[in-house]
């Protein structure tokens, strides 16, 4: 009954949260103004980007790779298609190497 704990996900949650916070702060300074109110805009952008970055960092390898593949297929701008295709390739590489 006392089986040792086996960690299935090798993501360090503290590191993922730190990267999410840095991403959120960077996004706040990018200048998005969804509501026109400075404080509310900063909070909304920080939370939205932080959650998206944390979810991507905590997800299994195939989830962001699939999202990047879909983005590559539906992107209209060739530059964005190339960026998404590169992200898809990196995701597949990570999956083949069986790393997080």
C-alpha atoms as a PDB file:
ATOM      1  CA  UNK A   1       0.000   0.000   0.000  1.00  0.00           C
ATOM      2  CA  UNK A   2       2.896   2.401   0.580  1.00  0.00           C
ATOM      3  CA  UNK A   3       4.075   2.802  -2.985  1.00  0.00           C
ATOM      4  CA  UNK A   4       6.696   5.453  -3.639  1.00  0.00           C
ATOM      5  CA  UNK A   5       5.530   8.618  -5.353  1.00  0.00           C
ATOM      6  CA  UNK A   6       6.357   8.571  -9.046  1.00  0.00           C
ATOM      7  CA  UNK A   7       6.426  11.968 -10.664  1.00  0.00           C
ATOM      8  CA  UNK A   8       4.818  11.722 -14.098  1.00  0.00           C
ATOM      9  CA  UNK A   9       5.517  15.290 -15.118  1.00  0.00           C
ATOM     10  CA  UNK A  10       9.106  16.501 -14.875  1.00  0.00           C
ATOM     11  CA  UNK A  11       8.157  20.183 -15.010  1.00  0.00           C
ATOM     12  CA  UNK A  12       9.374  22.191 -12.030  1.00  0.00           C
ATOM     13  CA  UNK A  13       6.232  24.151 -11.178  1.00  0.00           C
ATOM     14  CA  UNK A  14       8.156  26.965  -9.476  1.00  0.00           C
ATOM     15  CA  UNK A  15      10.219  27.497 -12.610  1.00  0.00           C
ATOM     16  CA  UNK A  16       7.082  27.363 -14.779  1.00  0.00           C
ATOM     17  CA  UNK A  17       5.412  29.980 -12.564  1.00  0.00           C
ATOM     18  CA  UNK A  18       8.510  32.200 -12.697  1.00  0.00           C
ATOM     19  CA  UNK A  19       8.619  32.014 -16.494  1.00  0.00           C
ATOM     20  CA  UNK A  20       4.870  32.746 -16.606  1.00  0.00           C
ATOM     21  CA  UNK A  21       5.351  35.812 -14.398  1.00  0.00           C
ATOM     22  CA  UNK A  22       8.192  37.106 -16.580  1.00  0.00           C
ATOM     23  CA  UNK A  23       6.071  36.523 -19.682  1.00  0.00           C
ATOM     24  CA  UNK A  24       3.165  38.372 -18.091  1.00  0.00           C
ATOM     25  CA  UNK A  25       5.323  41.352 -17.166  1.00  0.00           C
ATOM     26  CA  UNK A  26       6.822  41.467 -20.665  1.00  0.00           C
ATOM     27  CA  UNK A  27       3.329  41.384 -22.173  1.00  0.00           C
ATOM     28  CA  UNK A  28       2.195  44.270 -19.961  1.00  0.00           C
ATOM     29  CA  UNK A  29       4.968  46.433 -21.435  1.00  0.00           C
ATOM     30  CA  UNK A  30       4.006  45.407 -24.986  1.00  0.00           C
ATOM     31  CA  UNK A  31       1.290  48.068 -24.964  1.00  0.00           C
ATOM     32  CA  UNK A  32      -1.954  46.099 -25.295  1.00  0.00           C
ATOM     33  CA  UNK A  33      -4.971  48.149 -24.170  1.00  0.00           C
ATOM     34  CA  UNK A  34      -8.041  45.885 -24.267  1.00  0.00           C
ATOM     35  CA  UNK A  35     -10.208  48.119 -22.041  1.00  0.00           C
ATOM     36  CA  UNK A  36      -8.561  51.543 -22.127  1.00  0.00           C
ATOM     37  CA  UNK A  37      -8.009  51.606 -18.359  1.00  0.00           C
ATOM     38  CA  UNK A  38      -4.316  51.379 -17.518  1.00  0.00           C
ATOM     39  CA  UNK A  39      -4.570  49.306 -14.325  1.00  0.00           C
ATOM     40  CA  UNK A  40      -7.271  46.951 -15.587  1.00  0.00           C
ATOM     41  CA  UNK A  41      -5.404  46.498 -18.884  1.00  0.00           C
ATOM     42  CA  UNK A  42      -2.197  45.616 -17.059  1.00  0.00           C
ATOM     43  CA  UNK A  43      -3.978  43.095 -14.819  1.00  0.00           C
ATOM     44  CA  UNK A  44      -5.888  41.474 -17.676  1.00  0.00           C
ATOM     45  CA  UNK A  45      -2.837  41.161 -19.913  1.00  0.00           C
ATOM     46  CA  UNK A  46      -0.600  39.903 -17.086  1.00  0.00           C
ATOM     47  CA  UNK A  47      -3.093  37.243 -16.008  1.00  0.00           C
ATOM     48  CA  UNK A  48      -3.988  36.127 -19.539  1.00  0.00           C
ATOM     49  CA  UNK A  49      -0.388  35.784 -20.698  1.00  0.00           C
ATOM     50  CA  UNK A  50       0.782  34.324 -17.391  1.00  0.00           C
ATOM     51  CA  UNK A  51      -1.890  31.621 -17.444  1.00  0.00           C
ATOM     52  CA  UNK A  52      -1.201  30.798 -21.092  1.00  0.00           C
ATOM     53  CA  UNK A  53       2.552  30.508 -20.497  1.00  0.00           C
ATOM     54  CA  UNK A  54       2.095  28.419 -17.342  1.00  0.00           C
ATOM     55  CA  UNK A  55      -0.389  26.104 -19.070  1.00  0.00           C
ATOM     56  CA  UNK A  56       1.964  25.642 -21.996  1.00  0.00           C
ATOM     57  CA  UNK A  57       4.907  24.925 -19.715  1.00  0.00           C
ATOM     58  CA  UNK A  58       2.897  22.422 -17.676  1.00  0.00           C
ATOM     59  CA  UNK A  59       1.247  20.672 -20.607  1.00  0.00           C
ATOM     60  CA  UNK A  60       2.444  17.408 -22.139  1.00  0.00           C
ATOM     61  CA  UNK A  61       4.767  17.879 -25.124  1.00  0.00           C
ATOM     62  CA  UNK A  62       2.131  17.093 -27.708  1.00  0.00           C
ATOM     63  CA  UNK A  63      -0.362  19.786 -26.644  1.00  0.00           C
ATOM     64  CA  UNK A  64       1.717  22.870 -27.567  1.00  0.00           C
ATOM     65  CA  UNK A  65       3.053  21.011 -30.617  1.00  0.00           C
ATOM     66  CA  UNK A  66      -0.501  20.368 -31.790  1.00  0.00           C
ATOM     67  CA  UNK A  67      -1.472  23.993 -31.175  1.00  0.00           C
ATOM     68  CA  UNK A  68       1.554  25.181 -33.160  1.00  0.00           C
ATOM     69  CA  UNK A  69       0.708  22.775 -35.994  1.00  0.00           C
ATOM     70  CA  UNK A  70      -2.853  24.060 -36.159  1.00  0.00           C
ATOM     71  CA  UNK A  71      -1.579  27.649 -36.092  1.00  0.00           C
ATOM     72  CA  UNK A  72       0.779  26.868 -38.987  1.00  0.00           C
ATOM     73  CA  UNK A  73      -2.105  25.497 -41.037  1.00  0.00           C
ATOM     74  CA  UNK A  74      -4.512  28.396 -40.436  1.00  0.00           C
ATOM     75  CA  UNK A  75      -2.052  31.324 -40.439  1.00  0.00           C
ATOM     76  CA  UNK A  76      -2.511  33.714 -43.343  1.00  0.00           C
ATOM     77  CA  UNK A  77       0.820  35.538 -43.053  1.00  0.00           C
ATOM     78  CA  UNK A  78       3.784  33.540 -44.409  1.00  0.00           C
ATOM     79  CA  UNK A  79       6.034  34.801 -41.594  1.00  0.00           C
ATOM     80  CA  UNK A  80       3.602  33.577 -38.938  1.00  0.00           C
ATOM     81  CA  UNK A  81       3.236  30.285 -40.793  1.00  0.00           C
ATOM     82  CA  UNK A  82       7.003  29.829 -40.670  1.00  0.00           C
ATOM     83  CA  UNK A  83       7.201  30.658 -36.969  1.00  0.00           C
ATOM     84  CA  UNK A  84       4.367  28.248 -36.155  1.00  0.00           C
ATOM     85  CA  UNK A  85       5.883  25.527 -38.322  1.00  0.00           C
ATOM     86  CA  UNK A  86       9.217  25.952 -36.535  1.00  0.00           C
ATOM     87  CA  UNK A  87       7.455  25.698 -33.168  1.00  0.00           C
ATOM     88  CA  UNK A  88       5.695  22.557 -34.389  1.00  0.00           C
ATOM     89  CA  UNK A  89       9.035  21.064 -35.411  1.00  0.00           C
ATOM     90  CA  UNK A  90      10.575  21.876 -32.026  1.00  0.00           C
ATOM     91  CA  UNK A  91       7.587  20.280 -30.281  1.00  0.00           C
ATOM     92  CA  UNK A  92       7.967  17.115 -32.316  1.00  0.00           C
ATOM     93  CA  UNK A  93      11.702  17.043 -31.594  1.00  0.00           C
ATOM     94  CA  UNK A  94      11.005  17.303 -27.863  1.00  0.00           C
ATOM     95  CA  UNK A  95       8.473  14.490 -28.124  1.00  0.00           C
ATOM     96  CA  UNK A  96      10.851  12.233 -30.039  1.00  0.00           C
ATOM     97  CA  UNK A  97      13.572  12.824 -27.449  1.00  0.00           C
ATOM     98  CA  UNK A  98      10.985  12.171 -24.714  1.00  0.00           C
ATOM     99  CA  UNK A  99      11.814  15.318 -22.785  1.00  0.00           C
ATOM    100  CA  UNK A 100       9.588  17.955 -21.216  1.00  0.00           C
END
